[in-house]
Amino acid sequence: MGGKEGAWGYLAQAVVCVISTLITEEWEFVQIEPDTELDQVDIAWYYPNKQPRVVQVKTSKNNFTMPNIRKWTLSLINDYHEADFYELFLIGTCNDETKQIINRINEQKATDKDFGDNATLISKKGNITITQRLNDQEALEAIIYRNLGKFLSRSGKHANDTDLELMSKSLIYTYMLYSTQGKKEARIDFENRLLSWIEHFLGVRTEKKSDLSIQFYLKDKVEFCNNMSSNSINLMESNFYLGKKTPLIEMIKKISDMKVAKRTEERSKFDAVGLRDFLSSQFSKEEYCEFSGTRREKLEQQALKLLDIILKPEFFYLGELKEAKFIGHNYFPMDDIRNGTKEEIEKYDALLLFEKEIKKYNSYYELFSFFASYNIIPVVLRNVGSKQDQNIKVKFSFNKNIEVLKSDDFIKPKKEIIEEFTGYDGYIHLLFSHDSDSKINDYQYAHLVKEHYLQIAYEPTTKTLKKDFKNYIEALFDYKHYEENESTVLIFEFDQLNPKENMAFPCFLMIQAEETFEINYEITSVNLTEVAKGILTYEI
């Protein structure tokens, strides 16, 4: 290798190293041209808890062929047997057949024939990858610009195109020098150097930088950052939920200990008609007190699902207990009259209470299961500058395959518990919005008026409670939702934010996703001279 080809070879090593440095995770040190026995390793990545990853870079104006690819890969393995991972980085072109083989190798679907039936290559096939890029210096540098921008965004920094170009070329030059020295660089030194460069560029520019940014934050759990691991709210193991389980189990034990015989006589035609005296015929209908049919099946299913308890048939025995229900005379309300023994009446009351409480417990179960099916994304708006900003609009966009919960799709709690989860002092607000602290300001929500205050009866009904909940959820999900091409877009608006302060978003975003994804954001405001942009990474 000589002349232009040799110079491009050294440059290619540096370019590949910079690209990988920006996108490779968890490395501790990187070294170009490490001192190895066969001198086949161009770049080595060192990790704290595993063996190195080694890379060989090849450039060519001609098509790469599989015999050469196998030979270079084999020489890389023979030069560093202890490595955990081997990568051949090809800068140039190859024919379609070679591309197909490379794809099979990278997807770990390669046959022994693809590896030339070489025993060494076959034994390492799960640790080999081949990356191919076109021999285009500008395209490779564009990859550096893009990934450098992502790195800075994750660090809460912003750079314009000129800064990115200067930093990219500086990185390439630095690693070209390292290739002649065999120097090893620590990750922390690499990151500190980049951050110091951007601070320098910002310091010497007279133009105003963006003061506003978005970051993840969750009180006592996640400090301000641009990368966050997935988080969900699972209340099934909470003291709140488990604490309501024990009384139900105790109720079952108490009812099971009540010895009441099974009803012996079948319901007669006379019984179906009701009491025959004048009072009964005019005011009441007498029926056996019983838990049967779907009513009983529902209790049995809930006990098994929620408490892991099988209810025995005798659990529902109520003997010959009957109840006269007075109907149709609202002007003279009368209590229902039960006809049975003291033990039968006490057991019936206990069963009614158990039915009510397990129904309520099942309502919690359904709601909490819904909560646990979503991951939460807690974000805040930050003003890191020295000037107040106003009329702030934040735009989030991410892949439309990410399912984001909308207010219309939020499950409505059952009537037994709906009031507990409605309003700014309810449980939903406690769970899915920021708990204010010294680091963030509260979001300013719309004022809510309870629906039944507007009714003549002035008493809450199921209808007004559902309306109250709907109004509250719409106020909590205070943003606009759009589907645009392949992206989901959310728009938030804030009136103002003082300098050096942080503002909570109205609620945590609730999403369902199967893999790590990026949230791109844009911010406009009165005092921003250009759109502030950034990227947040949510790791699944």
Protein backbone atom coordinates (compact mmCIF):
# COMPACT_ATOMS: atom_id res chain seq x y z
CA MET A 1 0.00 0.00 0.00
CA GLY A 2 1.48 3.35 -1.00
CA GLY A 3 0.73 6.93 -2.06
CA LYS A 4 -2.93 7.94 -2.03
CA GLU A 5 -4.08 4.40 -1.23
CA GLY A 6 -1.91 4.28 1.87
CA ALA A 7 -3.05 7.69 3.06
CA TRP A 8 -6.70 6.71 2.58
CA GLY A 9 -6.05 3.48 4.47
CA TYR A 10 -4.91 5.36 7.58
CA LEU A 11 -7.78 7.83 7.20
CA ALA A 12 -10.27 4.96 6.86
CA GLN A 13 -9.03 3.41 10.10
CA ALA A 14 -9.56 6.71 11.89
CA VAL A 15 -13.02 7.25 10.36
CA VAL A 16 -14.19 3.75 11.30
CA CYS A 17 -12.83 4.18 14.81
CA VAL A 18 -14.68 7.46 15.29
CA ILE A 19 -17.96 6.02 13.98
CA SER A 20 -17.72 2.99 16.24
CA THR A 21 -16.64 5.09 19.21
CA LEU A 22 -19.82 7.12 18.96
CA ILE A 23 -22.26 4.22 18.55
CA THR A 24 -20.60 1.39 20.52
CA GLU A 25 -21.81 1.03 24.10
CA GLU A 26 -20.07 0.13 27.36
CA TRP A 27 -16.46 0.19 26.13
CA GLU A 28 -13.74 1.29 28.56
CA PHE A 29 -10.70 1.84 26.28
CA VAL A 30 -10.08 2.01 22.52
CA GLN A 31 -6.73 1.52 20.75
CA ILE A 32 -5.74 1.90 17.09
CA GLU A 33 -2.97 -0.34 15.75
CA PRO A 34 -2.40 -2.24 19.00
CA ASP A 35 0.79 -4.25 19.25
CA THR A 36 -0.23 -7.81 18.29
CA GLU A 37 1.79 -10.78 17.10
CA LEU A 38 0.55 -10.88 13.49
CA ASP A 39 -0.23 -7.15 13.21
CA GLN A 40 -3.74 -7.82 11.86
CA VAL A 41 -5.76 -5.85 14.39
CA ASP A 42 -6.49 -2.25 13.32
CA ILE A 43 -8.76 -1.28 16.21
CA ALA A 44 -9.32 -2.95 19.59
CA TRP A 45 -12.14 -2.20 22.01
CA TYR A 46 -11.64 -3.11 25.66
CA TYR A 47 -14.48 -3.76 28.11
CA PRO A 48 -14.55 -3.96 31.92
CA ASN A 49 -16.10 -7.44 32.21
CA LYS A 50 -15.36 -9.26 28.95
CA GLN A 51 -12.69 -9.88 26.35
CA PRO A 52 -11.93 -7.26 23.66
CA ARG A 53 -13.67 -6.68 20.36
CA VAL A 54 -11.18 -6.43 17.49
CA VAL A 55 -11.64 -4.84 14.06
CA GLN A 56 -9.73 -5.00 10.81
CA VAL A 57 -10.40 -2.28 8.20
CA LYS A 58 -9.99 -3.01 4.49
CA THR A 59 -10.35 -0.55 1.61
CA SER A 60 -10.43 -1.30 -2.10
CA LYS A 61 -11.45 0.22 -5.43
CA ASN A 62 -12.25 -3.26 -6.71
CA ASN A 63 -15.02 -5.61 -5.58
CA PHE A 64 -14.32 -7.53 -2.39
CA THR A 65 -14.43 -11.31 -2.90
CA MET A 66 -15.40 -14.03 -0.43
CA PRO A 67 -12.01 -15.82 -0.56
CA ASN A 68 -10.30 -12.60 0.54
CA ILE A 69 -12.97 -11.87 3.15
CA ARG A 70 -12.51 -15.35 4.65
CA LYS A 71 -8.72 -14.98 4.60
CA TRP A 72 -8.77 -11.59 6.36
CA THR A 73 -11.27 -12.80 8.96
CA LEU A 74 -9.20 -15.89 9.67
CA SER A 75 -6.02 -13.83 10.05
CA LEU A 76 -7.85 -11.53 12.51
CA ILE A 77 -8.94 -14.53 14.60
CA ASN A 78 -5.46 -16.06 14.56
CA ASP A 79 -3.96 -12.76 15.65
CA TYR A 80 -6.21 -12.38 18.73
CA HIS A 81 -7.64 -15.73 19.89
CA GLU A 82 -8.94 -14.26 23.18
CA ALA A 83 -11.29 -11.72 21.60
CA ASP A 84 -15.02 -12.07 22.16
CA PHE A 85 -15.99 -10.43 18.90
CA TYR A 86 -14.38 -10.06 15.46
CA GLU A 87 -15.41 -7.45 12.89
CA LEU A 88 -14.21 -6.99 9.33
CA PHE A 89 -14.98 -3.45 8.16
CA LEU A 90 -14.96 -3.23 4.34
CA ILE A 91 -14.86 0.15 2.60
CA GLY A 92 -15.70 -0.50 -1.03
CA THR A 93 -18.07 -2.61 -3.10
CA CYS A 94 -18.92 -6.27 -3.61
CA ASN A 95 -21.21 -8.23 -5.92
CA ASP A 96 -24.70 -9.40 -5.04
CA GLU A 97 -23.65 -12.97 -4.22
CA THR A 98 -21.03 -11.73 -1.77
CA LYS A 99 -23.56 -9.36 -0.20
CA GLN A 100 -25.97 -12.25 0.34
CA ILE A 101 -23.30 -14.30 2.10
CA ILE A 102 -22.33 -11.29 4.25
CA ASN A 103 -25.99 -10.84 5.23
CA ARG A 104 -26.26 -14.51 6.21
CA ILE A 105 -23.12 -14.22 8.34
CA ASN A 106 -24.40 -11.11 10.12
CA GLU A 107 -27.80 -12.70 10.70
CA GLN A 108 -26.10 -15.88 11.98
CA LYS A 109 -27.74 -17.93 9.26
CA ALA A 110 -24.53 -18.75 7.37
CA THR A 111 -23.77 -22.32 6.27
CA ASP A 112 -20.42 -24.07 6.62
CA LYS A 113 -19.99 -23.52 2.88
CA ASP A 114 -20.33 -19.74 3.39
CA PHE A 115 -17.26 -20.00 5.63
CA GLY A 116 -15.39 -22.09 3.05
CA ASP A 117 -15.78 -25.14 5.34
CA ASN A 118 -12.99 -23.68 7.48
CA ALA A 119 -13.13 -25.20 10.97
CA THR A 120 -11.81 -22.08 12.74
CA LEU A 121 -14.26 -19.74 11.03
CA ILE A 122 -17.15 -22.14 11.68
CA SER A 123 -16.27 -22.40 15.37
CA LYS A 124 -16.33 -18.58 15.67
CA LYS A 125 -19.31 -17.89 13.39
CA GLY A 126 -21.43 -16.57 16.24
CA ASN A 127 -18.74 -13.97 17.02
CA ILE A 128 -18.09 -12.65 13.50
CA THR A 129 -19.69 -9.68 11.80
CA ILE A 130 -18.87 -7.99 8.50
CA THR A 131 -19.70 -4.33 7.87
CA GLN A 132 -19.57 -2.90 4.37
CA ARG A 133 -19.65 0.79 3.40
CA LEU A 134 -19.17 2.46 0.05
CA ASN A 135 -15.80 4.01 -0.68
CA ASP A 136 -17.14 7.52 -0.20
CA GLN A 137 -15.32 9.75 2.27
CA GLU A 138 -18.12 12.34 2.42
CA ALA A 139 -20.74 9.66 3.16
CA LEU A 140 -18.60 8.21 5.94
CA GLU A 141 -18.04 11.65 7.44
CA ALA A 142 -21.81 12.26 7.27
CA ILE A 143 -22.27 9.19 9.46
CA ILE A 144 -19.86 10.75 11.94
CA TYR A 145 -21.79 14.05 11.91
CA ARG A 146 -25.08 12.28 12.57
CA ASN A 147 -23.80 10.11 15.42
CA LEU A 148 -21.79 12.97 16.92
CA GLY A 149 -24.99 15.03 17.00
CA LYS A 150 -26.79 12.18 18.79
CA PHE A 151 -23.98 11.86 21.32
CA LEU A 152 -24.08 15.58 22.12
CA SER A 153 -27.88 15.55 22.39
CA ARG A 154 -27.75 12.67 24.86
CA SER A 155 -25.31 14.78 26.89
CA GLY A 156 -27.66 17.76 26.89
CA LYS A 157 -25.55 19.74 24.38
CA HIS A 158 -26.40 21.26 21.01
CA ALA A 159 -24.09 22.05 18.07
CA ASN A 160 -24.66 23.61 14.67
CA ASP A 161 -23.44 22.06 11.41
CA THR A 162 -20.17 24.00 11.44
CA ASP A 163 -19.34 22.80 14.94
CA LEU A 164 -20.12 19.20 14.01
CA GLU A 165 -17.90 19.38 10.94
CA LEU A 166 -14.96 20.87 12.87
CA MET A 167 -15.29 18.37 15.70
CA SER A 168 -15.58 15.43 13.30
CA LYS A 169 -12.44 16.39 11.41
CA SER A 170 -10.62 16.96 14.69
CA LEU A 171 -11.58 13.49 15.87
CA ILE A 172 -10.40 11.89 12.63
CA TYR A 173 -7.06 13.73 12.85
CA THR A 174 -6.67 12.72 16.52
CA TYR A 175 -7.17 9.04 15.74
CA MET A 176 -4.83 9.21 12.74
CA LEU A 177 -2.16 10.36 15.19
CA TYR A 178 -3.08 7.57 17.58
CA SER A 179 -2.60 5.01 14.77
CA THR A 180 1.06 5.99 14.53
CA GLN A 181 1.53 5.83 18.31
CA GLY A 182 -0.53 2.76 19.26
CA LYS A 183 -2.09 4.95 21.96
CA LYS A 184 -4.97 3.64 24.10
CA GLU A 185 -7.73 6.12 25.04
CA ALA A 186 -10.23 5.80 27.87
CA ARG A 187 -13.91 6.40 27.18
CA ILE A 188 -14.16 9.07 29.86
CA ASP A 189 -11.29 10.99 28.23
CA PHE A 190 -12.96 10.71 24.84
CA GLU A 191 -16.28 12.06 26.15
CA ASN A 192 -14.68 14.83 28.19
CA ARG A 193 -12.72 15.96 25.15
CA LEU A 194 -15.87 16.22 23.04
CA LEU A 195 -17.76 18.10 25.74
CA SER A 196 -14.87 20.51 26.27
CA TRP A 197 -14.74 21.17 22.54
CA ILE A 198 -18.43 22.03 22.34
CA GLU A 199 -18.12 24.32 25.39
CA HIS A 200 -15.24 26.06 23.63
CA PHE A 201 -17.21 26.50 20.41
CA LEU A 202 -20.18 27.90 22.32
CA GLY A 203 -17.91 30.20 24.29
CA VAL A 204 -16.30 31.83 21.27
CA ARG A 205 -19.53 32.31 19.31
CA THR A 206 -21.45 35.52 19.71
CA GLU A 207 -24.77 34.06 18.53
CA LYS A 208 -27.25 32.97 21.19
CA LYS A 209 -27.46 29.24 21.88
CA SER A 210 -30.68 27.41 22.66
CA ASP A 211 -31.71 27.85 26.27
CA LEU A 212 -34.40 25.18 26.23
CA SER A 213 -34.11 21.41 26.25
CA ILE A 214 -36.05 18.30 27.23
CA GLN A 215 -34.77 15.59 29.56
CA PHE A 216 -36.01 12.58 31.46
CA TYR A 217 -36.54 13.09 35.19
CA LEU A 218 -38.28 11.08 37.90
CA LYS A 219 -38.06 12.15 41.51
CA ASP A 220 -35.72 9.97 43.61
CA LYS A 221 -35.28 7.52 40.71
CA VAL A 222 -33.98 9.20 37.54
CA GLU A 223 -31.85 12.34 37.54
CA PHE A 224 -31.89 14.68 34.52
CA CYS A 225 -30.63 12.63 31.56
CA ASN A 226 -31.17 11.85 27.87
CA ASN A 227 -31.08 8.05 28.16
CA MET A 228 -33.52 6.17 30.34
CA SER A 229 -34.32 2.51 30.93
CA SER A 230 -37.97 1.55 30.68
CA ASN A 231 -40.09 2.00 33.78
CA SER A 232 -43.62 0.88 34.55
CA ILE A 233 -46.00 1.16 37.50
CA ASN A 234 -46.93 -2.25 38.85
CA LEU A 235 -49.27 -1.93 41.80
CA MET A 236 -50.03 -5.65 42.10
CA GLU A 237 -47.28 -5.97 44.72
CA SER A 238 -48.06 -2.67 46.45
CA ASN A 239 -49.09 -2.49 50.08
CA PHE A 240 -52.24 -0.70 48.90
CA TYR A 241 -53.36 -3.66 46.77
CA LEU A 242 -52.12 -6.51 48.97
CA GLY A 243 -53.56 -4.82 52.05
CA LYS A 244 -57.05 -5.20 50.60
CA LYS A 245 -56.52 -8.91 49.93
CA THR A 246 -56.16 -10.08 53.54
CA PRO A 247 -59.65 -8.90 54.68
CA LEU A 248 -61.23 -10.79 51.78
CA ILE A 249 -59.46 -14.00 52.75
CA GLU A 250 -60.62 -13.50 56.33
CA MET A 251 -64.19 -12.97 55.10
CA ILE A 252 -64.06 -16.28 53.23
CA LYS A 253 -62.83 -18.08 56.34
CA LYS A 254 -65.54 -16.49 58.47
CA ILE A 255 -68.31 -17.38 56.01
CA SER A 256 -66.96 -20.93 55.61
CA ASP A 257 -67.16 -21.38 59.37
CA MET A 258 -70.86 -20.45 59.37
CA LYS A 259 -72.69 -23.77 59.41
CA VAL A 260 -75.93 -23.37 57.49
CA ALA A 261 -77.66 -26.27 55.76
CA LYS A 262 -78.47 -26.53 52.09
CA ARG A 263 -82.03 -25.60 51.09
CA THR A 264 -84.03 -28.81 50.99
CA GLU A 265 -87.32 -27.87 49.33
CA GLU A 266 -87.66 -26.73 45.78
CA ARG A 267 -89.26 -23.45 44.97
CA SER A 268 -92.97 -23.98 44.49
CA LYS A 269 -95.50 -22.18 42.41
CA PHE A 270 -96.90 -20.75 45.62
CA ASP A 271 -93.48 -19.37 46.55
CA ALA A 272 -93.08 -17.77 43.15
CA VAL A 273 -96.31 -15.85 43.59
CA GLY A 274 -95.26 -14.53 47.02
CA LEU A 275 -97.09 -14.02 50.33
CA ARG A 276 -100.79 -14.65 50.19
CA ASP A 277 -101.93 -12.19 52.78
CA PHE A 278 -103.24 -8.80 51.77
CA LEU A 279 -100.11 -6.85 52.78
CA SER A 280 -97.82 -9.13 50.82
CA SER A 281 -99.94 -9.17 47.72
CA GLN A 282 -100.05 -5.42 47.66
CA PHE A 283 -96.59 -4.41 48.78
CA SER A 284 -94.04 -7.24 48.52
CA LYS A 285 -92.69 -10.28 46.77
CA GLU A 286 -91.02 -13.03 48.80
CA GLU A 287 -88.11 -14.97 47.32
CA TYR A 288 -85.46 -17.37 48.51
CA CYS A 289 -82.16 -15.72 49.34
CA GLU A 290 -79.57 -17.49 47.23
CA PHE A 291 -76.36 -17.12 45.24
CA SER A 292 -76.84 -19.14 42.08
CA GLY A 293 -76.34 -19.05 38.33
CA THR A 294 -74.05 -16.40 36.87
CA ARG A 295 -73.99 -14.49 40.16
CA ARG A 296 -72.39 -17.46 41.94
CA GLU A 297 -70.10 -18.28 38.99
CA LYS A 298 -68.78 -14.74 39.00
CA LEU A 299 -67.89 -14.90 42.70
CA GLU A 300 -66.21 -18.28 42.21
CA GLN A 301 -64.16 -16.97 39.28
CA GLN A 302 -63.10 -13.81 41.10
CA ALA A 303 -62.08 -15.72 44.24
CA LEU A 304 -59.95 -18.10 42.18
CA LYS A 305 -58.40 -15.34 40.02
CA LEU A 306 -57.78 -12.76 42.74
CA LEU A 307 -57.27 -14.87 45.87
CA ASP A 308 -56.34 -18.28 44.46
CA ILE A 309 -59.16 -19.80 46.53
CA ILE A 310 -61.75 -22.33 45.38
CA LEU A 311 -65.13 -21.63 46.94
CA LYS A 312 -66.89 -24.85 47.95
CA PRO A 313 -70.63 -25.34 47.28
CA GLU A 314 -71.49 -25.14 50.99
CA PHE A 315 -69.95 -21.65 51.05
CA PHE A 316 -73.18 -20.43 49.42
CA TYR A 317 -75.69 -22.46 51.50
CA LEU A 318 -78.39 -20.25 53.05
CA GLY A 319 -80.93 -22.85 54.26
CA GLU A 320 -84.55 -21.82 53.89
CA LEU A 321 -83.92 -18.07 54.16
CA LYS A 322 -86.42 -15.91 52.30
CA GLU A 323 -86.73 -12.18 51.85
CA ALA A 324 -89.84 -10.08 51.25
CA LYS A 325 -88.91 -7.14 49.04
CA PHE A 326 -91.26 -4.15 49.23
CA ILE A 327 -91.66 -2.58 45.82
CA GLY A 328 -93.46 0.16 43.99
CA HIS A 329 -94.41 2.45 46.88
CA ASN A 330 -91.86 5.25 47.15
CA TYR A 331 -94.11 7.34 49.39
CA PHE A 332 -93.99 4.76 52.17
CA PRO A 333 -90.53 3.18 52.02
CA MET A 334 -90.27 0.01 54.09
CA ASP A 335 -87.32 -2.20 54.92
CA ASP A 336 -87.15 -5.65 53.36
CA ILE A 337 -88.23 -8.44 55.74
CA ARG A 338 -86.20 -11.64 56.02
CA ASN A 339 -87.74 -14.88 57.05
CA GLY A 340 -85.13 -17.31 58.44
CA THR A 341 -82.92 -18.25 61.37
CA LYS A 342 -80.42 -15.88 62.93
CA GLU A 343 -77.53 -17.94 61.48
CA GLU A 344 -79.02 -17.82 57.96
CA ILE A 345 -79.52 -14.04 58.14
CA GLU A 346 -75.97 -13.43 59.45
CA LYS A 347 -74.44 -15.56 56.71
CA TYR A 348 -76.49 -13.82 54.03
CA ASP A 349 -75.28 -10.42 55.29
CA ALA A 350 -71.70 -11.70 55.28
CA LEU A 351 -72.06 -12.98 51.71
CA LEU A 352 -73.52 -9.67 50.53
CA LEU A 353 -70.59 -7.80 52.09
CA PHE A 354 -68.10 -10.25 50.54
CA GLU A 355 -69.75 -9.83 47.13
CA LYS A 356 -69.46 -6.05 47.40
CA GLU A 357 -65.81 -6.06 48.55
CA ILE A 358 -64.49 -8.61 46.05
CA LYS A 359 -66.23 -6.70 43.26
CA LYS A 360 -64.37 -3.60 44.39
CA TYR A 361 -61.11 -5.55 44.64
CA ASN A 362 -61.64 -6.85 41.11
CA SER A 363 -62.08 -3.25 39.95
CA TYR A 364 -58.65 -2.44 41.37
CA TYR A 365 -57.23 -5.54 39.68
CA GLU A 366 -58.53 -4.57 36.24
CA LEU A 367 -57.33 -0.97 36.58
CA PHE A 368 -53.89 -1.91 37.93
CA SER A 369 -53.45 -4.53 35.18
CA PHE A 370 -54.11 -1.76 32.67
CA PHE A 371 -51.53 0.48 34.33
CA ALA A 372 -48.89 -2.28 34.33
CA SER A 373 -49.33 -2.88 30.58
CA TYR A 374 -47.76 0.52 29.81
CA ASN A 375 -44.28 1.95 30.30
CA ILE A 376 -44.06 5.51 31.59
CA ILE A 377 -41.91 8.29 30.13
CA PRO A 378 -41.36 11.13 32.63
CA VAL A 379 -40.02 14.25 30.90
CA VAL A 380 -39.42 17.86 31.91
CA LEU A 381 -38.85 21.11 30.05
CA ARG A 382 -35.60 22.82 31.08
CA ASN A 383 -34.46 26.43 30.70
CA VAL A 384 -30.70 26.25 31.16
CA GLY A 385 -30.17 29.84 30.03
CA SER A 386 -30.24 33.20 31.74
CA LYS A 387 -33.39 34.62 30.19
CA GLN A 388 -37.09 33.92 30.66
CA ASP A 389 -38.87 32.38 27.69
CA GLN A 390 -42.54 32.47 26.68
CA ASN A 391 -45.07 30.87 24.32
CA ILE A 392 -43.08 27.65 24.29
CA LYS A 393 -44.16 24.85 21.97
CA VAL A 394 -42.65 21.37 22.23
CA LYS A 395 -43.00 18.80 19.46
CA PHE A 396 -42.26 15.12 20.08
CA SER A 397 -42.02 12.66 17.20
CA PHE A 398 -41.27 8.94 17.25
CA ASN A 399 -42.00 5.81 15.23
CA LYS A 400 -45.73 5.18 14.88
CA ASN A 401 -45.16 1.54 15.86
CA ILE A 402 -44.84 2.87 19.39
CA GLU A 403 -48.29 2.72 20.95
CA VAL A 404 -48.95 5.88 22.96
CA LEU A 405 -51.97 6.07 25.25
CA LYS A 406 -54.50 8.77 24.40
CA SER A 407 -57.08 10.21 26.78
CA ASP A 408 -59.95 8.53 24.90
CA ASP A 409 -58.30 5.12 25.39
CA PHE A 410 -57.70 5.46 29.12
CA ILE A 411 -59.67 2.78 30.94
CA LYS A 412 -62.52 4.14 33.07
CA PRO A 413 -62.44 2.81 36.65
CA LYS A 414 -65.55 0.97 37.80
CA LYS A 415 -68.12 2.99 39.73
CA GLU A 416 -67.02 1.45 43.07
CA ILE A 417 -63.60 3.17 42.87
CA ILE A 418 -63.89 5.90 40.23
CA GLU A 419 -63.89 8.78 42.72
CA GLU A 420 -60.56 7.61 44.18
CA PHE A 421 -58.92 8.04 40.76
CA THR A 422 -60.50 11.32 39.69
CA GLY A 423 -59.07 14.82 40.08
CA TYR A 424 -55.75 16.40 40.89
CA ASP A 425 -55.78 14.84 44.36
CA GLY A 426 -56.66 11.34 43.08
CA TYR A 427 -54.48 8.27 42.70
CA ILE A 428 -53.97 8.62 38.92
CA HIS A 429 -52.49 12.06 39.42
CA LEU A 430 -50.24 10.71 42.13
CA LEU A 431 -49.06 7.87 39.87
CA PHE A 432 -48.78 9.45 36.43
CA SER A 433 -47.68 13.04 36.93
CA HIS A 434 -44.59 14.58 38.45
CA ASP A 435 -44.43 14.88 42.21
CA SER A 436 -43.27 18.46 42.71
CA ASP A 437 -39.96 19.04 44.42
CA SER A 438 -37.24 21.65 44.61
CA LYS A 439 -36.00 20.78 41.11
CA ILE A 440 -39.15 21.19 39.01
CA ASN A 441 -42.18 23.47 38.89
CA ASP A 442 -45.73 22.13 38.82
CA TYR A 443 -47.63 22.12 35.56
CA GLN A 444 -50.53 24.57 35.53
CA TYR A 445 -53.67 22.53 34.82
CA ALA A 446 -57.12 23.68 33.79
CA HIS A 447 -59.59 24.28 36.63
CA LEU A 448 -62.05 21.41 37.09
CA VAL A 449 -65.68 21.75 38.24
CA LYS A 450 -67.38 18.55 39.36
CA GLU A 451 -70.27 17.70 37.09
CA HIS A 452 -72.85 17.06 39.82
CA TYR A 453 -72.38 20.62 41.12
CA LEU A 454 -74.15 21.69 37.94
CA GLN A 455 -77.11 19.35 38.46
CA ILE A 456 -80.35 20.16 40.30
CA ALA A 457 -80.04 17.13 42.60
CA TYR A 458 -76.51 18.21 43.56
CA GLU A 459 -75.62 14.59 44.36
CA PRO A 460 -73.06 12.54 42.40
CA THR A 461 -74.47 9.78 40.21
CA THR A 462 -72.71 7.16 38.09
CA LYS A 463 -73.24 9.39 35.06
CA THR A 464 -71.78 12.52 36.66
CA LEU A 465 -68.86 10.57 38.16
CA LYS A 466 -67.96 9.23 34.71
CA LYS A 467 -68.19 12.75 33.29
CA ASP A 468 -65.92 14.07 36.06
CA PHE A 469 -63.38 11.37 35.24
CA LYS A 470 -63.50 12.15 31.52
CA ASN A 471 -62.98 15.88 32.17
CA TYR A 472 -60.04 15.13 34.46
CA ILE A 473 -58.29 12.76 32.03
CA GLU A 474 -58.65 15.29 29.20
CA ALA A 475 -57.06 17.94 31.44
CA LEU A 476 -54.25 15.54 32.43
CA PHE A 477 -53.48 14.54 28.83
CA ASP A 478 -53.03 18.17 27.89
CA TYR A 479 -51.46 17.76 24.47
CA LYS A 480 -52.39 17.29 20.83
CA HIS A 481 -51.87 13.96 19.09
CA TYR A 482 -51.25 13.48 15.35
CA GLU A 483 -50.29 10.65 13.00
CA GLU A 484 -47.97 11.92 10.24
CA ASN A 485 -46.51 9.53 7.67
CA GLU A 486 -44.53 6.98 9.70
CA SER A 487 -44.42 9.04 12.89
CA THR A 488 -46.55 9.81 15.90
CA VAL A 489 -46.42 13.50 16.79
CA LEU A 490 -47.33 15.06 20.15
CA ILE A 491 -47.59 18.83 20.68
CA PHE A 492 -47.30 20.45 24.14
CA GLU A 493 -47.57 24.16 24.96
CA PHE A 494 -46.21 26.10 27.95
CA ASP A 495 -46.91 29.74 28.78
CA GLN A 496 -43.48 30.62 30.17
CA LEU A 497 -40.41 29.30 31.96
CA ASN A 498 -38.01 31.34 34.06
CA PRO A 499 -34.22 31.00 33.66
CA LYS A 500 -32.50 28.11 35.48
CA GLU A 501 -35.86 26.46 36.15
CA ASN A 502 -37.53 23.23 35.05
CA MET A 503 -41.20 22.60 34.28
CA ALA A 504 -43.10 19.33 34.62
CA PHE A 505 -45.05 18.09 31.61
CA PRO A 506 -48.78 17.60 32.32
CA CYS A 507 -48.41 13.82 32.63
CA PHE A 508 -46.04 10.95 32.01
CA LEU A 509 -46.30 9.60 28.50
CA MET A 510 -47.69 6.06 28.64
CA ILE A 511 -46.41 3.82 25.85
CA GLN A 512 -46.18 0.23 24.71
CA ALA A 513 -43.02 -0.71 22.80
CA GLU A 514 -41.08 -3.90 22.09
CA GLU A 515 -37.64 -2.38 21.54
CA THR A 516 -35.50 0.64 22.35
CA PHE A 517 -36.53 3.78 20.46
CA GLU A 518 -35.66 7.45 20.08
CA ILE A 519 -37.85 10.48 20.76
CA ASN A 520 -36.96 13.44 18.56
CA TYR A 521 -38.01 16.79 19.94
CA GLU A 522 -38.20 20.33 18.61
CA ILE A 523 -38.78 23.48 20.68
CA THR A 524 -39.89 26.91 19.49
CA SER A 525 -40.46 29.98 21.64
CA VAL A 526 -40.38 33.76 21.71
CA ASN A 527 -36.66 34.02 22.52
CA LEU A 528 -35.21 31.15 20.51
CA THR A 529 -33.60 32.38 17.32
CA GLU A 530 -33.71 28.89 15.82
CA VAL A 531 -35.55 25.66 16.52
CA ALA A 532 -33.93 23.76 19.39
CA LYS A 533 -33.65 20.07 18.54
CA GLY A 534 -32.62 17.01 20.48
CA ILE A 535 -33.00 13.26 20.90
CA LEU A 536 -34.03 11.21 23.91
CA THR A 537 -33.38 7.46 23.99
CA TYR A 538 -35.83 5.18 25.81
CA GLU A 539 -34.32 1.75 26.37
CA ILE A 540 -36.61 -1.28 26.49
